[in-house]
Amino acid sequence: MAQNINVKTKEEKVTESMNATPVIDVNVDINIPRSATPFDEKKHKFMCSSCGKGFTTQNGNFQKTNDVLFQANNGYLTWCKECTDKYVAQMTAFYSNNEEHAMRDFCQRAGWNYDLNALVASRETYSGHKDRTRISHYAAKKNLNCGGRKTFIDSIKYNYQQKQNEVITSREQAKSEESTITASAVDRWGIGFAEQDYKNLDEHYRMLKKNNPNADNNQEIFIKSLCNLNMLMVKALQSGDSKEYANLVEQYAKTFKQAGLRTIEEKDDSNSETFGVTLATISQYTPEEFYKDKQLYEDWDELGEYYDRHVCRPMRNLMFDEDVRDKEFFVPDGDDYEDDE
């Protein structure tokens, strides 16, 4: 008999369910009834925050969690195991019988690690022990073979890091809500790179374009080549390949020089500017009113006096028909000569 090659493994089924687009059944209402055995402070020490049932011990009645929000509750969830089972069952119906989506919702609320390996393991054990719910099996498997991840925050970090190394294979993939890159980045660099690669390429591209805003079409080709070389340099540095890194640095320098590009340099243009422009530039970074000790910055070079004597005084004489002479440089009248004699 020919073997059916289309049979999916448990891991493939779980992965497909995890990545499926959520389908919400809006007719499902989440409802957990109150317990017939309410908390009695004379009999019980602990109470379920959902159904209100009283318990004498937490162990065996409440699920454990490593989430920081429950640390003062001895590391236990505040709702009982019975409410956990009821909630996940109703959320499975809410997500149109998608157990993975329902369990993700619960893991986020409980602060549990949400992991593919744990989901697969819980499905395997659940298939042979249906006297217990799948979420109860997941509780026992949630931290096994998960790389030390224990909380939902750990899952978020792990998924984010994995996403940075995920290769983009189409423009549509970049346009998805989960993607952190833009479709224009795929248009510029093409497909086949990881998200972190696109970020490195775009960051270096913006830097070169900022420093060379008037680059022509030929230089644009070199700029893209430099971005690719820079990405390879980063990877060589991360892998510790010093020889490859040195070769790439040398190639980068040659390409940069061949392209005729430049980096922005700070130049002192004060010699080619008017005196007033230079003063305005100085004032822009060190405004005069910021100086507390006014006498410390007095006109020691007597520029103000020079301006008043040799600019303002002649202008006043011309405009207002005055005859104010400079106190030092002037031609004496005849009366002045007589006074000197």
Protein backbone atom coordinates (compact mmCIF):
# COMPACT_ATOMS: atom_id res chain seq x y z
CA MET A 1 0.00 0.00 0.00
CA ALA A 2 1.38 3.40 -0.98
CA GLN A 3 2.22 5.69 1.91
CA ASN A 4 0.28 8.92 2.14
CA ILE A 5 2.95 11.60 1.87
CA ASN A 6 0.46 14.36 2.71
CA VAL A 7 -0.03 13.25 6.32
CA LYS A 8 1.08 16.08 8.60
CA THR A 9 3.10 15.55 11.74
CA LYS A 10 1.87 16.80 15.10
CA GLU A 11 4.43 19.62 14.94
CA GLU A 12 3.22 20.68 11.50
CA LYS A 13 -0.40 20.65 12.66
CA VAL A 14 0.39 22.71 15.75
CA THR A 15 2.51 25.19 13.75
CA GLU A 16 -0.25 25.61 11.19
CA SER A 17 -2.77 26.22 13.95
CA MET A 18 -0.48 28.75 15.68
CA ASN A 19 0.09 30.74 12.48
CA ALA A 20 -3.50 30.63 11.29
CA THR A 21 -5.42 33.90 11.05
CA PRO A 22 -7.69 34.15 14.13
CA VAL A 23 -11.36 33.49 13.39
CA ILE A 24 -13.58 34.84 16.15
CA ASP A 25 -17.01 33.41 16.91
CA VAL A 26 -18.82 36.52 18.12
CA ASN A 27 -21.70 34.42 19.44
CA VAL A 28 -19.55 32.87 22.16
CA ASP A 29 -19.78 34.49 25.60
CA ILE A 30 -17.26 33.68 28.31
CA ASN A 31 -19.10 32.77 31.49
CA ILE A 32 -17.79 30.97 34.59
CA PRO A 33 -20.50 30.41 37.23
CA ARG A 34 -19.92 31.06 40.90
CA SER A 35 -18.99 28.03 43.01
CA ALA A 36 -21.50 26.23 45.19
CA THR A 37 -18.75 26.10 47.82
CA PRO A 38 -17.94 29.75 48.45
CA PHE A 39 -14.98 30.93 50.45
CA ASP A 40 -15.47 30.73 54.21
CA GLU A 41 -12.81 32.56 56.19
CA LYS A 42 -13.34 30.17 59.10
CA LYS A 43 -12.68 27.09 56.94
CA HIS A 44 -10.54 28.28 54.04
CA LYS A 45 -7.29 30.16 53.59
CA PHE A 46 -7.45 30.75 49.82
CA MET A 47 -10.17 31.82 47.41
CA CYS A 48 -10.47 31.51 43.63
CA SER A 49 -10.68 35.00 42.13
CA SER A 50 -13.03 33.71 39.40
CA CYS A 51 -15.62 31.33 40.86
CA GLY A 52 -15.11 32.31 44.50
CA LYS A 53 -14.55 28.74 45.74
CA GLY A 54 -12.65 28.35 49.00
CA PHE A 55 -9.58 26.15 49.49
CA THR A 56 -7.42 25.18 52.43
CA THR A 57 -4.26 24.85 50.30
CA GLN A 58 -2.95 26.31 47.06
CA ASN A 59 -0.94 23.25 46.04
CA GLY A 60 -3.02 20.98 43.83
CA ASN A 61 -5.80 23.53 43.46
CA PHE A 62 -4.07 26.42 41.70
CA GLN A 63 -1.56 26.44 38.82
CA LYS A 64 1.98 27.72 39.35
CA THR A 65 3.52 30.57 37.38
CA ASN A 66 6.85 32.39 37.19
CA ASP A 67 5.25 35.69 36.25
CA VAL A 68 6.29 38.61 38.44
CA LEU A 69 2.69 39.74 38.94
CA PHE A 70 1.94 36.63 41.02
CA GLN A 71 5.15 36.41 43.04
CA ALA A 72 3.54 37.64 46.27
CA ASN A 73 0.86 34.93 45.91
CA ASN A 74 3.47 32.23 46.47
CA GLY A 75 3.88 31.94 42.68
CA TYR A 76 0.33 30.64 42.18
CA LEU A 77 -2.37 31.95 39.86
CA THR A 78 -5.30 33.51 41.66
CA TRP A 79 -7.92 31.39 39.88
CA CYS A 80 -8.34 27.67 40.44
CA LYS A 81 -7.62 24.79 38.05
CA GLU A 82 -11.32 24.17 37.44
CA CYS A 83 -11.76 27.75 36.23
CA THR A 84 -8.66 27.38 34.06
CA ASP A 85 -10.19 24.35 32.32
CA LYS A 86 -13.53 26.09 31.82
CA TYR A 87 -11.96 29.29 30.57
CA VAL A 88 -9.69 27.60 27.99
CA ALA A 89 -12.56 25.42 26.76
CA GLN A 90 -14.73 28.48 26.17
CA MET A 91 -11.87 30.42 24.57
CA THR A 92 -11.31 27.49 22.20
CA ALA A 93 -14.90 27.89 21.04
CA PHE A 94 -14.36 31.66 20.89
CA TYR A 95 -11.43 31.11 18.50
CA SER A 96 -13.52 28.75 16.34
CA ASN A 97 -12.01 25.58 17.87
CA ASN A 98 -8.40 26.72 17.50
CA GLU A 99 -6.80 25.39 20.68
CA GLU A 100 -3.44 27.03 20.02
CA HIS A 101 -4.98 30.50 19.90
CA ALA A 102 -6.99 29.81 23.04
CA MET A 103 -3.91 28.59 24.88
CA ARG A 104 -1.91 31.59 23.74
CA ASP A 105 -4.57 33.84 25.25
CA PHE A 106 -4.37 31.94 28.54
CA CYS A 107 -0.56 31.92 28.57
CA GLN A 108 -0.54 35.68 28.19
CA ARG A 109 -2.96 36.09 31.12
CA ALA A 110 -1.11 33.60 33.30
CA GLY A 111 2.37 34.78 32.32
CA TRP A 112 3.27 31.32 31.01
CA ASN A 113 5.79 30.55 28.34
CA TYR A 114 4.03 29.99 24.99
CA ASP A 115 6.13 27.54 23.03
CA LEU A 116 5.78 25.19 20.06
CA ASN A 117 7.57 22.29 21.79
CA ALA A 118 5.31 22.51 24.82
CA LEU A 119 2.22 22.67 22.63
CA VAL A 120 3.28 19.57 20.69
CA ALA A 121 4.12 17.70 23.90
CA SER A 122 0.78 18.62 25.46
CA ARG A 123 -1.07 17.35 22.38
CA GLU A 124 0.78 14.04 22.52
CA THR A 125 0.04 13.41 26.19
CA TYR A 126 -3.51 14.69 25.85
CA SER A 127 -4.23 12.21 23.05
CA GLY A 128 -3.51 9.31 25.44
CA HIS A 129 -4.94 10.81 28.64
CA LYS A 130 -8.17 12.59 27.82
CA ASP A 131 -9.33 12.34 31.41
CA ARG A 132 -7.38 15.59 31.83
CA THR A 133 -7.67 18.76 29.78
CA ARG A 134 -4.96 19.76 27.34
CA ILE A 135 -4.18 22.93 29.29
CA SER A 136 -3.41 20.82 32.37
CA HIS A 137 -0.97 18.77 30.29
CA TYR A 138 0.52 22.00 28.93
CA ALA A 139 1.06 23.25 32.49
CA ALA A 140 3.36 20.28 33.12
CA LYS A 141 5.24 20.70 29.81
CA LYS A 142 5.42 24.48 29.42
CA ASN A 143 9.04 24.85 30.61
CA LEU A 144 10.53 21.68 29.10
CA ASN A 145 12.89 21.90 26.11
CA CYS A 146 12.19 25.63 25.82
CA GLY A 147 15.68 27.04 26.14
CA GLY A 148 15.13 28.21 29.70
CA ARG A 149 12.11 30.36 28.81
CA LYS A 150 9.57 30.43 31.65
CA THR A 151 7.31 33.45 31.18
CA PHE A 152 5.24 35.00 28.41
CA ILE A 153 7.70 37.89 28.29
CA ASP A 154 10.45 35.37 27.58
CA SER A 155 8.32 34.12 24.68
CA ILE A 156 7.93 37.63 23.30
CA LYS A 157 11.68 38.21 23.43
CA TYR A 158 12.42 34.85 21.78
CA ASN A 159 9.88 35.37 18.99
CA TYR A 160 11.23 38.86 18.33
CA GLN A 161 14.80 37.60 18.03
CA GLN A 162 13.68 34.78 15.74
CA LYS A 163 11.81 37.31 13.62
CA GLN A 164 14.97 39.32 13.09
CA ASN A 165 16.61 36.27 11.50
CA GLU A 166 13.59 35.27 9.41
CA VAL A 167 14.32 35.53 5.70
CA ILE A 168 11.92 37.69 3.68
CA THR A 169 10.84 35.79 0.58
CA SER A 170 8.28 38.20 -0.89
CA ARG A 171 7.16 41.82 -0.87
CA GLU A 172 3.81 40.74 0.55
CA GLN A 173 5.56 39.23 3.54
CA ALA A 174 7.11 42.61 4.34
CA LYS A 175 3.68 44.25 4.16
CA SER A 176 2.22 41.96 6.84
CA GLU A 177 1.43 43.36 10.27
CA GLU A 178 4.03 41.12 11.93
CA SER A 179 6.86 42.42 9.76
CA THR A 180 9.08 45.19 11.12
CA ILE A 181 10.44 46.27 7.74
CA THR A 182 8.85 48.25 4.91
CA ALA A 183 7.94 47.11 1.43
CA SER A 184 10.16 49.88 0.04
CA ALA A 185 13.16 48.21 1.73
CA VAL A 186 12.40 45.01 -0.17
CA ASP A 187 12.08 47.01 -3.39
CA ARG A 188 15.48 48.60 -2.78
CA TRP A 189 17.44 45.52 -1.68
CA GLY A 190 15.44 42.62 -3.09
CA ILE A 191 14.27 39.50 -1.24
CA GLY A 192 16.34 36.88 0.55
CA PHE A 193 17.56 38.88 3.56
CA ALA A 194 16.60 38.63 7.22
CA GLU A 195 14.78 41.50 8.88
CA GLN A 196 17.91 42.54 10.79
CA ASP A 197 19.81 42.62 7.50
CA TYR A 198 17.26 45.00 5.99
CA LYS A 199 17.56 47.25 9.04
CA ASN A 200 21.36 47.34 8.76
CA LEU A 201 21.15 48.08 5.04
CA ASP A 202 18.60 50.86 5.44
CA GLU A 203 20.44 52.49 8.36
CA HIS A 204 23.73 52.65 6.44
CA TYR A 205 21.93 53.80 3.29
CA ARG A 206 20.33 56.73 5.11
CA MET A 207 23.70 57.73 6.58
CA LEU A 208 25.43 57.76 3.20
CA LYS A 209 22.55 59.61 1.53
CA LYS A 210 22.53 62.22 4.29
CA ASN A 211 26.24 62.83 3.83
CA ASN A 212 25.90 62.85 0.03
CA PRO A 213 22.51 64.40 -0.76
CA ASN A 214 23.53 65.27 -4.35
CA ALA A 215 24.72 61.80 -5.34
CA ASP A 216 24.09 61.01 -9.01
CA ASN A 217 22.80 57.73 -10.44
CA ASN A 218 26.27 56.24 -10.75
CA GLN A 219 27.08 57.09 -7.16
CA GLU A 220 23.75 55.58 -6.09
CA ILE A 221 24.97 52.21 -7.41
CA PHE A 222 28.15 52.53 -5.34
CA ILE A 223 26.12 53.55 -2.26
CA LYS A 224 24.10 50.33 -2.45
CA SER A 225 27.31 48.32 -2.88
CA LEU A 226 28.76 50.01 0.20
CA CYS A 227 25.63 49.09 2.18
CA ASN A 228 26.01 45.44 1.19
CA LEU A 229 29.68 45.51 2.18
CA ASN A 230 28.82 47.09 5.51
CA MET A 231 26.27 44.34 6.20
CA LEU A 232 28.90 41.69 5.46
CA MET A 233 31.33 43.53 7.74
CA VAL A 234 28.81 43.38 10.58
CA LYS A 235 28.31 39.64 10.06
CA ALA A 236 32.05 39.00 9.92
CA LEU A 237 32.52 40.98 13.13
CA GLN A 238 29.74 39.06 14.87
CA SER A 239 31.18 35.71 13.81
CA GLY A 240 34.68 36.72 14.96
CA ASP A 241 36.21 36.34 11.49
CA SER A 242 38.86 39.04 11.73
CA LYS A 243 40.50 38.15 8.42
CA GLU A 244 37.25 38.43 6.48
CA TYR A 245 36.42 41.64 8.32
CA ALA A 246 39.79 43.19 7.39
CA ASN A 247 39.32 42.24 3.72
CA LEU A 248 35.85 43.76 3.67
CA VAL A 249 37.07 46.97 5.30
CA GLU A 250 39.73 47.29 2.59
CA GLN A 251 37.17 46.66 -0.15
CA TYR A 252 34.81 49.18 1.44
CA ALA A 253 37.51 51.87 1.47
CA LYS A 254 38.34 51.25 -2.21
CA THR A 255 34.69 51.36 -3.24
CA PHE A 256 34.09 54.51 -1.22
CA LYS A 257 37.03 56.25 -2.88
CA GLN A 258 36.06 55.05 -6.34
CA ALA A 259 32.53 56.36 -5.88
CA GLY A 260 33.80 59.85 -5.10
CA LEU A 261 31.67 60.05 -1.96
CA ARG A 262 32.46 62.08 1.10
CA THR A 263 31.73 62.28 4.77
CA ILE A 264 30.51 65.50 6.33
CA GLU A 265 33.42 67.51 7.72
CA GLU A 266 33.21 70.43 10.07
CA LYS A 267 35.01 73.36 8.49
CA ASP A 268 36.04 76.70 9.98
CA ASP A 269 34.69 79.22 7.47
CA SER A 270 35.16 82.22 9.71
CA ASN A 271 37.98 83.59 7.51
CA SER A 272 35.70 83.70 4.47
CA GLU A 273 32.75 85.22 6.34
CA THR A 274 32.02 88.77 7.36
CA PHE A 275 32.69 89.77 10.93
CA GLY A 276 28.97 90.11 11.65
CA VAL A 277 28.20 86.57 10.45
CA THR A 278 30.94 85.20 12.69
CA LEU A 279 29.52 87.05 15.69
CA ALA A 280 26.03 85.76 14.87
CA THR A 281 27.35 82.21 14.75
CA ILE A 282 29.06 82.62 18.12
CA SER A 283 25.91 84.15 19.59
CA GLN A 284 23.84 81.21 18.33
CA TYR A 285 25.71 78.75 20.55
CA THR A 286 26.72 81.06 23.43
CA PRO A 287 24.06 83.79 23.79
CA GLU A 288 25.31 86.90 25.51
CA GLU A 289 22.52 86.94 28.08
CA PHE A 290 23.72 83.59 29.47
CA TYR A 291 26.87 85.16 30.91
CA LYS A 292 26.42 85.88 34.61
CA ASP A 293 29.65 87.78 35.17
CA LYS A 294 29.19 90.68 32.75
CA GLN A 295 32.50 92.34 33.68
CA LEU A 296 34.39 89.17 32.77
CA TYR A 297 33.27 89.60 29.17
CA GLU A 298 33.71 93.35 28.88
CA ASP A 299 35.03 94.94 25.69
CA TRP A 300 38.70 94.38 26.44
CA ASP A 301 39.64 94.81 22.77
CA GLU A 302 37.66 98.07 22.67
CA LEU A 303 35.77 96.96 19.58
CA GLY A 304 32.65 98.66 20.85
CA GLU A 305 34.46 101.93 21.34
CA TYR A 306 36.05 101.64 17.89
CA TYR A 307 32.64 101.10 16.32
CA ASP A 308 31.17 104.06 18.14
CA ARG A 309 34.06 106.41 17.26
CA HIS A 310 34.69 105.46 13.65
CA VAL A 311 31.30 104.24 12.43
CA CYS A 312 28.53 105.73 14.51
CA ARG A 313 30.14 109.18 14.97
CA PRO A 314 30.67 109.88 11.23
CA MET A 315 27.15 108.64 10.48
CA ARG A 316 25.67 111.02 13.03
CA ASN A 317 27.66 113.90 11.54
CA LEU A 318 26.33 113.13 8.06
CA MET A 319 22.74 112.47 9.04
CA PHE A 320 22.22 115.18 11.64
CA ASP A 321 24.72 117.81 10.46
CA GLU A 322 26.75 117.49 13.62
CA ASP A 323 30.42 118.32 14.03
CA VAL A 324 31.56 115.73 16.54
CA ARG A 325 35.27 115.04 16.25
CA ASP A 326 37.15 111.95 17.22
CA LYS A 327 38.80 112.37 20.58
CA GLU A 328 42.19 111.27 19.27
CA PHE A 329 42.37 111.48 15.49
CA PHE A 330 41.26 114.84 14.10
CA VAL A 331 42.65 117.88 12.21
CA PRO A 332 42.76 120.91 14.50
CA ASP A 333 41.20 124.24 13.45
CA GLY A 334 43.11 127.47 13.53
CA ASP A 335 41.82 128.27 17.00
CA ASP A 336 43.07 124.96 18.24
CA TYR A 337 46.59 125.78 16.96
CA GLU A 338 46.51 129.09 18.74
CA ASP A 339 45.45 127.47 21.97
CA ASP A 340 48.37 125.04 21.68
CA GLU A 341 50.80 127.93 21.23
